[in-house]
Amino acid sequence: MRRTLNDAAGWVLLRLAVVLHRTVASRAARERLQQRRNTALRGAHRRGVQVPELAGRLGLSEGWVRQVLNGKRPPEVEEAA
C-alpha cells in the first residue's frame, strides 16, 4: 500500500512540475507577466507615483521605466539600477 501511495504522489508531483514549467518558464508566460507588470506600472504612474520611485522599487533604470510609460518596447535585457 505504501509503495502505491508513493508512486501516485510521484506522478502527481511530476504533473505539478510540468504545469509549473510550462506556465512559468515558457517565453510566452514570461512575456505575459511582463505585460501585466508594465500595465500595473503605467497605472501606478497615472495615479501619481513618480518615475524615480517606480524605478527604485522595481530595481530598473529610470530610462527603462520611461520607455515603458511612453508605450515603447523596452530592451530585451532589463537594466539594473
N, C-alpha and C. Protein backbone atom coordinates (compact mmCIF):
# COMPACT_ATOMS: atom_id res chain seq x y z
N MET A 1 0.81 -1.19 0.00
CA MET A 1 0.00 0.00 0.00
C MET A 1 0.87 1.27 0.00
N ARG A 2 1.92 1.25 0.81
CA ARG A 2 2.79 2.42 0.90
C ARG A 2 3.45 2.73 -0.44
N ARG A 3 3.86 1.67 -1.14
CA ARG A 3 4.51 1.89 -2.44
C ARG A 3 3.53 2.49 -3.44
N THR A 4 2.29 2.07 -3.40
CA THR A 4 1.28 2.61 -4.30
C THR A 4 1.08 4.10 -4.04
N LEU A 5 1.04 4.49 -2.76
CA LEU A 5 0.89 5.91 -2.44
C LEU A 5 2.10 6.71 -2.89
N ASN A 6 3.29 6.15 -2.71
CA ASN A 6 4.50 6.84 -3.17
C ASN A 6 4.50 7.00 -4.68
N ASP A 7 4.09 5.96 -5.38
CA ASP A 7 4.02 6.04 -6.84
C ASP A 7 3.02 7.11 -7.28
N ALA A 8 1.86 7.12 -6.66
CA ALA A 8 0.83 8.10 -7.02
C ALA A 8 1.31 9.52 -6.69
N ALA A 9 1.92 9.69 -5.54
CA ALA A 9 2.43 11.01 -5.17
C ALA A 9 3.52 11.45 -6.15
N GLY A 10 4.34 10.53 -6.57
CA GLY A 10 5.39 10.86 -7.54
C GLY A 10 4.81 11.35 -8.85
N TRP A 11 3.75 10.69 -9.33
CA TRP A 11 3.12 11.10 -10.59
C TRP A 11 2.43 12.46 -10.44
N VAL A 12 1.81 12.69 -9.29
CA VAL A 12 1.18 13.98 -9.06
C VAL A 12 2.22 15.09 -9.04
N LEU A 13 3.34 14.84 -8.36
CA LEU A 13 4.40 15.83 -8.31
C LEU A 13 5.00 16.08 -9.69
N LEU A 14 5.11 15.04 -10.48
CA LEU A 14 5.60 15.21 -11.85
C LEU A 14 4.66 16.08 -12.66
N ARG A 15 3.37 15.84 -12.55
CA ARG A 15 2.38 16.66 -13.26
C ARG A 15 2.48 18.12 -12.82
N LEU A 16 2.63 18.33 -11.51
CA LEU A 16 2.77 19.69 -11.00
C LEU A 16 4.01 20.37 -11.56
N ALA A 17 5.11 19.63 -11.62
CA ALA A 17 6.35 20.19 -12.16
C ALA A 17 6.18 20.58 -13.62
N VAL A 18 5.48 19.77 -14.39
CA VAL A 18 5.25 20.06 -15.81
C VAL A 18 4.40 21.31 -15.96
N VAL A 19 3.35 21.42 -15.18
CA VAL A 19 2.47 22.60 -15.25
C VAL A 19 3.25 23.85 -14.88
N LEU A 20 4.02 23.80 -13.80
CA LEU A 20 4.80 24.96 -13.39
C LEU A 20 5.83 25.33 -14.44
N HIS A 21 6.46 24.33 -15.01
CA HIS A 21 7.47 24.61 -16.04
C HIS A 21 6.85 25.31 -17.24
N ARG A 22 5.70 24.85 -17.66
CA ARG A 22 5.06 25.43 -18.83
C ARG A 22 4.48 26.81 -18.57
N THR A 23 4.04 27.07 -17.34
CA THR A 23 3.42 28.36 -17.06
C THR A 23 4.41 29.41 -16.62
N VAL A 24 5.54 29.01 -16.05
CA VAL A 24 6.49 29.97 -15.52
C VAL A 24 7.70 30.13 -16.43
N ALA A 25 8.17 29.05 -17.00
CA ALA A 25 9.44 29.09 -17.71
C ALA A 25 9.30 29.36 -19.20
N SER A 26 8.11 29.29 -19.73
CA SER A 26 7.99 29.47 -21.17
C SER A 26 8.14 30.94 -21.55
N ARG A 27 8.54 31.18 -22.76
CA ARG A 27 8.72 32.54 -23.26
C ARG A 27 7.39 33.30 -23.27
N ALA A 28 6.32 32.62 -23.68
CA ALA A 28 5.01 33.27 -23.72
C ALA A 28 4.56 33.67 -22.32
N ALA A 29 4.79 32.82 -21.34
CA ALA A 29 4.41 33.14 -19.96
C ALA A 29 5.21 34.32 -19.44
N ARG A 30 6.48 34.34 -19.73
CA ARG A 30 7.33 35.44 -19.29
C ARG A 30 6.86 36.76 -19.91
N GLU A 31 6.49 36.73 -21.18
CA GLU A 31 6.01 37.93 -21.85
C GLU A 31 4.67 38.39 -21.27
N ARG A 32 3.78 37.43 -20.95
CA ARG A 32 2.51 37.80 -20.33
C ARG A 32 2.73 38.47 -18.98
N LEU A 33 3.63 37.92 -18.18
CA LEU A 33 3.91 38.51 -16.88
C LEU A 33 4.50 39.91 -17.02
N GLN A 34 5.38 40.10 -18.00
CA GLN A 34 5.96 41.43 -18.22
C GLN A 34 4.90 42.42 -18.69
N GLN A 35 3.97 41.97 -19.52
CA GLN A 35 2.89 42.85 -19.96
C GLN A 35 2.02 43.27 -18.79
N ARG A 36 1.72 42.33 -17.90
CA ARG A 36 0.93 42.66 -16.71
C ARG A 36 1.68 43.63 -15.81
N ARG A 37 2.98 43.39 -15.66
CA ARG A 37 3.79 44.28 -14.85
C ARG A 37 3.81 45.68 -15.45
N ASN A 38 3.97 45.76 -16.76
CA ASN A 38 4.01 47.06 -17.42
C ASN A 38 2.67 47.79 -17.31
N THR A 39 1.57 47.06 -17.38
CA THR A 39 0.25 47.66 -17.21
C THR A 39 0.10 48.22 -15.80
N ALA A 40 0.56 47.46 -14.81
CA ALA A 40 0.50 47.94 -13.42
C ALA A 40 1.40 49.16 -13.24
N LEU A 41 2.54 49.15 -13.89
CA LEU A 41 3.48 50.26 -13.82
C LEU A 41 2.84 51.53 -14.38
N ARG A 42 2.19 51.42 -15.52
CA ARG A 42 1.52 52.57 -16.12
C ARG A 42 0.39 53.08 -15.22
N GLY A 43 -0.36 52.14 -14.63
CA GLY A 43 -1.44 52.52 -13.73
C GLY A 43 -0.93 53.26 -12.51
N ALA A 44 0.16 52.81 -11.94
CA ALA A 44 0.73 53.48 -10.77
C ALA A 44 1.19 54.89 -11.15
N HIS A 45 1.78 55.02 -12.32
CA HIS A 45 2.24 56.34 -12.76
C HIS A 45 1.06 57.28 -12.98
N ARG A 46 -0.02 56.78 -13.57
CA ARG A 46 -1.21 57.61 -13.77
C ARG A 46 -1.81 58.07 -12.45
N ARG A 47 -1.58 57.31 -11.40
CA ARG A 47 -2.12 57.66 -10.09
C ARG A 47 -1.14 58.45 -9.23
N GLY A 48 -0.06 58.94 -9.83
CA GLY A 48 0.79 59.89 -9.15
C GLY A 48 2.13 59.40 -8.65
N VAL A 49 2.48 58.14 -8.86
CA VAL A 49 3.79 57.65 -8.43
C VAL A 49 4.82 58.12 -9.46
N GLN A 50 5.87 58.74 -8.99
CA GLN A 50 6.88 59.33 -9.87
C GLN A 50 7.85 58.27 -10.40
N VAL A 51 8.49 58.59 -11.51
CA VAL A 51 9.41 57.67 -12.19
C VAL A 51 10.55 57.20 -11.28
N PRO A 52 11.22 58.08 -10.53
CA PRO A 52 12.32 57.60 -9.67
C PRO A 52 11.86 56.55 -8.64
N GLU A 53 10.66 56.75 -8.11
CA GLU A 53 10.12 55.78 -7.14
C GLU A 53 9.81 54.45 -7.82
N LEU A 54 9.20 54.50 -9.00
CA LEU A 54 8.91 53.28 -9.75
C LEU A 54 10.19 52.52 -10.07
N ALA A 55 11.19 53.25 -10.56
CA ALA A 55 12.45 52.61 -10.94
C ALA A 55 13.15 52.01 -9.72
N GLY A 56 13.14 52.75 -8.62
CA GLY A 56 13.80 52.25 -7.41
C GLY A 56 13.15 51.00 -6.86
N ARG A 57 11.84 50.99 -6.83
CA ARG A 57 11.13 49.82 -6.30
C ARG A 57 11.28 48.59 -7.18
N LEU A 58 11.34 48.80 -8.49
CA LEU A 58 11.47 47.67 -9.42
C LEU A 58 12.92 47.26 -9.64
N GLY A 59 13.85 48.12 -9.26
CA GLY A 59 15.26 47.80 -9.49
C GLY A 59 15.65 47.97 -10.95
N LEU A 60 14.97 48.89 -11.64
CA LEU A 60 15.24 49.14 -13.05
C LEU A 60 15.72 50.58 -13.22
N SER A 61 16.27 50.89 -14.37
CA SER A 61 16.73 52.26 -14.61
C SER A 61 15.53 53.15 -14.91
N GLU A 62 15.69 54.43 -14.66
CA GLU A 62 14.63 55.39 -14.96
C GLU A 62 14.34 55.45 -16.46
N GLY A 63 15.39 55.31 -17.26
CA GLY A 63 15.20 55.31 -18.71
C GLY A 63 14.32 54.17 -19.18
N TRP A 64 14.51 53.01 -18.59
CA TRP A 64 13.70 51.86 -18.95
C TRP A 64 12.25 52.10 -18.57
N VAL A 65 12.03 52.64 -17.37
CA VAL A 65 10.67 52.90 -16.90
C VAL A 65 10.01 53.93 -17.81
N ARG A 66 10.74 54.95 -18.21
CA ARG A 66 10.18 55.97 -19.11
C ARG A 66 9.79 55.37 -20.46
N GLN A 67 10.58 54.43 -20.95
CA GLN A 67 10.24 53.76 -22.22
C GLN A 67 8.92 53.01 -22.08
N VAL A 68 8.76 52.31 -20.98
CA VAL A 68 7.52 51.57 -20.77
C VAL A 68 6.34 52.53 -20.67
N LEU A 69 6.52 53.62 -19.93
CA LEU A 69 5.44 54.59 -19.75
C LEU A 69 5.05 55.26 -21.07
N ASN A 70 6.01 55.42 -21.97
CA ASN A 70 5.73 56.04 -23.27
C ASN A 70 5.19 55.04 -24.29
N GLY A 71 5.07 53.79 -23.90
CA GLY A 71 4.50 52.78 -24.78
C GLY A 71 5.49 52.15 -25.73
N LYS A 72 6.77 52.44 -25.57
CA LYS A 72 7.78 51.84 -26.43
C LYS A 72 8.16 50.47 -25.88
N ARG A 73 8.62 49.63 -26.76
CA ARG A 73 9.06 48.31 -26.33
C ARG A 73 10.40 48.44 -25.63
N PRO A 74 10.48 47.96 -24.38
CA PRO A 74 11.76 48.05 -23.66
C PRO A 74 12.80 47.12 -24.27
N PRO A 75 14.07 47.36 -23.97
CA PRO A 75 15.11 46.48 -24.50
C PRO A 75 14.93 45.06 -23.99
N GLU A 76 15.49 44.11 -24.72
CA GLU A 76 15.37 42.69 -24.35
C GLU A 76 15.95 42.41 -22.97
N VAL A 77 17.11 42.97 -22.68
CA VAL A 77 17.75 42.75 -21.41
C VAL A 77 17.40 43.91 -20.50
N GLU A 78 16.84 43.59 -19.33
CA GLU A 78 16.46 44.64 -18.41
C GLU A 78 17.68 45.15 -17.67
N GLU A 79 17.73 46.43 -17.46
CA GLU A 79 18.85 47.04 -16.76
C GLU A 79 18.61 47.02 -15.27
N ALA A 80 19.67 46.89 -14.52
CA ALA A 80 19.58 47.01 -13.06
C ALA A 80 19.97 48.44 -12.69
N ALA A 81 19.24 48.99 -11.75
CA ALA A 81 19.53 50.37 -11.35
C ALA A 81 20.74 50.42 -10.47
